[in-house]
C-alpha cells in the first residue's frame, strides 16, 4: 500500500524550504522527502502522484512566480 500524504504536508514543506521551484525540481523534492511510492490526497482529490499533486495545486492558484522559479503563495494555503 503506498504511503498516503496530505497535500498540506507538501505545502508546508514548500513554505518551510524558502526555495523556488520548477515543476521538475518540486517533483524531485517531493519524491526525495516522501518517497517515490507516496500518493497524495487533499480535501477534494486522492491517490495523486507528485506530478499530479503539483498540477492540482497549480490549477487552484496555489503558486506564485514564473514557471521556472515559483513558490507557494502563503495566502492561498487553506487553514483547516
N, C-alpha and C. Protein backbone atom coordinates (compact mmCIF):
# COMPACT_ATOMS: atom_id res chain seq x y z
N UNK A 1 0.85 -1.18 0.00
CA UNK A 1 0.00 0.00 0.00
C UNK A 1 0.90 1.25 0.00
N UNK A 2 0.69 2.15 -0.95
CA UNK A 2 1.51 3.36 -1.00
C UNK A 2 1.29 4.25 0.23
N UNK A 3 2.32 5.00 0.55
CA UNK A 3 2.26 5.96 1.63
C UNK A 3 1.31 7.09 1.23
N UNK A 4 0.28 7.40 2.04
CA UNK A 4 -0.69 8.44 1.74
C UNK A 4 -0.35 9.71 2.53
N UNK A 5 -0.09 10.79 1.80
CA UNK A 5 0.34 12.06 2.39
C UNK A 5 -0.68 13.14 2.03
N UNK A 6 -1.07 13.94 3.00
CA UNK A 6 -1.99 15.05 2.71
C UNK A 6 -1.21 16.17 2.01
N UNK A 7 -1.84 16.80 1.05
CA UNK A 7 -1.23 17.90 0.32
C UNK A 7 -0.75 19.03 1.21
N UNK A 8 -1.38 19.21 2.38
CA UNK A 8 -0.92 20.25 3.31
C UNK A 8 0.52 20.02 3.74
N UNK A 9 0.92 18.75 3.88
CA UNK A 9 2.31 18.45 4.26
C UNK A 9 3.27 18.93 3.19
N UNK A 10 2.90 18.76 1.94
CA UNK A 10 3.74 19.22 0.83
C UNK A 10 3.78 20.74 0.82
N UNK A 11 2.63 21.38 1.02
CA UNK A 11 2.60 22.84 1.03
C UNK A 11 3.47 23.40 2.15
N UNK A 12 3.44 22.78 3.32
CA UNK A 12 4.29 23.23 4.42
C UNK A 12 5.76 22.98 4.11
N UNK A 13 6.07 21.88 3.43
CA UNK A 13 7.44 21.61 3.02
C UNK A 13 7.95 22.73 2.11
N UNK A 14 7.11 23.16 1.17
CA UNK A 14 7.50 24.23 0.25
C UNK A 14 7.73 25.52 1.02
N UNK A 15 6.79 25.89 1.88
CA UNK A 15 6.93 27.12 2.66
C UNK A 15 8.16 27.08 3.56
N UNK A 16 8.36 25.97 4.23
CA UNK A 16 9.49 25.84 5.16
C UNK A 16 10.84 25.90 4.45
N UNK A 17 10.88 25.46 3.21
CA UNK A 17 12.15 25.42 2.49
C UNK A 17 12.64 26.82 2.13
N UNK A 18 11.72 27.75 1.87
CA UNK A 18 12.11 29.09 1.43
C UNK A 18 12.69 29.12 0.03
N UNK A 19 12.56 28.02 -0.71
CA UNK A 19 13.13 27.91 -2.05
C UNK A 19 12.10 28.21 -3.13
N UNK A 20 12.59 28.46 -4.33
CA UNK A 20 11.71 28.50 -5.50
C UNK A 20 11.94 27.21 -6.28
N UNK A 21 10.94 26.84 -7.08
CA UNK A 21 10.97 25.56 -7.78
C UNK A 21 10.49 25.70 -9.21
N UNK A 22 10.90 24.77 -10.04
CA UNK A 22 10.24 24.48 -11.30
C UNK A 22 9.38 23.25 -11.00
N UNK A 23 8.52 22.87 -11.91
CA UNK A 23 7.72 21.65 -11.67
C UNK A 23 8.63 20.44 -11.48
N UNK A 24 9.69 20.39 -12.25
CA UNK A 24 10.61 19.25 -12.16
C UNK A 24 11.35 19.23 -10.83
N UNK A 25 11.85 20.38 -10.40
CA UNK A 25 12.60 20.39 -9.14
C UNK A 25 11.67 20.17 -7.94
N UNK A 26 10.42 20.65 -8.04
CA UNK A 26 9.48 20.41 -6.95
C UNK A 26 9.13 18.92 -6.89
N UNK A 27 8.89 18.30 -8.03
CA UNK A 27 8.60 16.86 -8.04
C UNK A 27 9.76 16.08 -7.42
N UNK A 28 10.98 16.45 -7.77
CA UNK A 28 12.16 15.77 -7.21
C UNK A 28 12.23 15.98 -5.70
N UNK A 29 11.94 17.19 -5.22
CA UNK A 29 11.97 17.47 -3.78
C UNK A 29 10.89 16.67 -3.05
N UNK A 30 9.71 16.59 -3.63
CA UNK A 30 8.61 15.83 -3.02
C UNK A 30 8.98 14.35 -2.94
N UNK A 31 9.50 13.81 -4.03
CA UNK A 31 9.89 12.39 -4.04
C UNK A 31 11.04 12.15 -3.07
N UNK A 32 11.98 13.08 -3.01
CA UNK A 32 13.09 12.96 -2.07
C UNK A 32 12.63 12.95 -0.62
N UNK A 33 11.61 13.73 -0.33
CA UNK A 33 11.10 13.83 1.05
C UNK A 33 10.17 12.69 1.42
N UNK A 34 9.25 12.35 0.51
CA UNK A 34 8.18 11.41 0.85
C UNK A 34 8.31 10.04 0.20
N UNK A 35 9.23 9.90 -0.77
CA UNK A 35 9.42 8.61 -1.42
C UNK A 35 8.69 8.51 -2.75
N UNK A 36 9.22 7.68 -3.62
CA UNK A 36 8.65 7.57 -4.96
C UNK A 36 7.32 6.83 -4.98
N UNK A 37 7.02 6.07 -3.94
CA UNK A 37 5.75 5.35 -3.90
C UNK A 37 4.65 6.11 -3.18
N UNK A 38 4.95 7.30 -2.68
CA UNK A 38 3.94 8.08 -1.95
C UNK A 38 2.83 8.51 -2.89
N UNK A 39 1.63 8.56 -2.37
CA UNK A 39 0.47 9.10 -3.07
C UNK A 39 -0.10 10.19 -2.19
N UNK A 40 -0.71 11.16 -2.83
CA UNK A 40 -1.12 12.37 -2.13
C UNK A 40 -2.63 12.56 -2.25
N UNK A 41 -3.18 13.17 -1.21
CA UNK A 41 -4.61 13.47 -1.21
C UNK A 41 -4.81 14.86 -0.65
N UNK A 42 -5.95 15.43 -0.99
CA UNK A 42 -6.35 16.73 -0.47
C UNK A 42 -7.80 16.59 0.01
N UNK A 43 -8.40 17.69 0.31
CA UNK A 43 -9.80 17.65 0.76
C UNK A 43 -10.74 17.22 -0.37
N UNK A 44 -10.29 17.37 -1.63
CA UNK A 44 -11.19 17.08 -2.75
C UNK A 44 -10.61 16.12 -3.79
N UNK A 45 -9.44 15.57 -3.57
CA UNK A 45 -8.85 14.64 -4.54
C UNK A 45 -8.00 13.63 -3.77
N UNK A 46 -7.76 12.47 -4.41
CA UNK A 46 -6.95 11.46 -3.73
C UNK A 46 -6.15 10.64 -4.72
N UNK A 47 -5.20 9.90 -4.17
CA UNK A 47 -4.36 8.96 -4.91
C UNK A 47 -3.58 9.63 -6.04
N UNK A 48 -3.04 10.82 -5.79
CA UNK A 48 -2.27 11.55 -6.80
C UNK A 48 -0.78 11.25 -6.65
N UNK A 49 -0.09 11.25 -7.78
CA UNK A 49 1.36 11.19 -7.77
C UNK A 49 1.88 12.59 -7.44
N UNK A 50 3.18 12.74 -7.27
CA UNK A 50 3.77 14.06 -7.02
C UNK A 50 3.44 15.01 -8.17
N UNK A 51 3.60 14.53 -9.41
CA UNK A 51 3.31 15.38 -10.57
C UNK A 51 1.84 15.78 -10.63
N UNK A 52 0.97 14.85 -10.30
CA UNK A 52 -0.47 15.17 -10.30
C UNK A 52 -0.82 16.16 -9.19
N UNK A 53 -0.18 16.03 -8.04
CA UNK A 53 -0.41 16.99 -6.96
C UNK A 53 0.06 18.38 -7.37
N UNK A 54 1.20 18.47 -8.00
CA UNK A 54 1.71 19.77 -8.46
C UNK A 54 0.72 20.40 -9.43
N UNK A 55 0.22 19.63 -10.37
CA UNK A 55 -0.78 20.13 -11.32
C UNK A 55 -2.05 20.58 -10.58
N UNK A 56 -2.48 19.79 -9.63
CA UNK A 56 -3.67 20.11 -8.83
C UNK A 56 -3.48 21.45 -8.10
N UNK A 57 -2.35 21.61 -7.43
CA UNK A 57 -2.09 22.85 -6.70
C UNK A 57 -1.97 24.04 -7.64
N UNK A 58 -1.32 23.84 -8.76
CA UNK A 58 -1.16 24.90 -9.74
C UNK A 58 -2.51 25.35 -10.29
N UNK A 59 -3.36 24.39 -10.61
CA UNK A 59 -4.68 24.70 -11.17
C UNK A 59 -5.55 25.48 -10.17
N UNK A 60 -5.25 25.36 -8.90
CA UNK A 60 -6.01 26.07 -7.87
C UNK A 60 -5.34 27.38 -7.45
N UNK A 61 -4.32 27.79 -8.19
CA UNK A 61 -3.69 29.08 -7.95
C UNK A 61 -2.85 29.15 -6.68
N UNK A 62 -2.31 28.03 -6.25
CA UNK A 62 -1.53 28.00 -5.01
C UNK A 62 -0.10 28.54 -5.17
N UNK A 63 0.40 28.59 -6.41
CA UNK A 63 1.77 29.01 -6.65
C UNK A 63 1.84 30.46 -7.11
N UNK A 64 2.96 31.09 -6.82
CA UNK A 64 3.21 32.44 -7.34
C UNK A 64 4.61 32.48 -7.91
N UNK A 65 4.79 33.30 -8.94
CA UNK A 65 6.08 33.42 -9.61
C UNK A 65 6.05 32.75 -10.96
N UNK A 66 7.13 32.91 -11.71
CA UNK A 66 7.20 32.32 -13.06
C UNK A 66 7.36 30.80 -12.99
N UNK A 67 7.01 30.10 -14.07
CA UNK A 67 7.06 28.63 -14.06
C UNK A 67 8.42 28.03 -13.71
N UNK A 68 9.49 28.74 -13.99
CA UNK A 68 10.82 28.18 -13.72
C UNK A 68 11.32 28.52 -12.31
N UNK A 69 10.59 29.36 -11.58
CA UNK A 69 11.04 29.76 -10.22
C UNK A 69 9.86 30.20 -9.38
N UNK A 70 8.91 29.30 -9.17
CA UNK A 70 7.73 29.65 -8.37
C UNK A 70 7.88 29.15 -6.94
N UNK A 71 7.01 29.65 -6.10
CA UNK A 71 6.91 29.17 -4.73
C UNK A 71 5.44 29.11 -4.37
N UNK A 72 5.14 28.68 -3.19
CA UNK A 72 3.76 28.61 -2.73
C UNK A 72 3.35 29.98 -2.21
N UNK A 73 2.20 30.42 -2.60
CA UNK A 73 1.65 31.68 -2.10
C UNK A 73 1.04 31.39 -0.73
N UNK A 74 1.64 31.88 0.36
CA UNK A 74 1.15 31.55 1.70
C UNK A 74 -0.29 32.01 1.94
N UNK A 75 -0.74 33.01 1.23
CA UNK A 75 -2.11 33.47 1.38
C UNK A 75 -3.13 32.51 0.75
N UNK A 76 -2.63 31.58 -0.05
CA UNK A 76 -3.52 30.64 -0.74
C UNK A 76 -3.54 29.25 -0.07
N UNK A 77 -2.94 29.14 1.11
CA UNK A 77 -2.95 27.88 1.84
C UNK A 77 -4.15 27.87 2.78
N UNK A 78 -5.02 26.88 2.59
CA UNK A 78 -6.18 26.82 3.47
C UNK A 78 -5.73 26.42 4.88
N UNK A 79 -6.45 26.86 5.86
CA UNK A 79 -6.05 26.66 7.26
C UNK A 79 -7.01 25.74 8.01
N UNK A 80 -7.32 24.61 7.44
CA UNK A 80 -8.20 23.68 8.15
C UNK A 80 -7.53 22.37 8.41
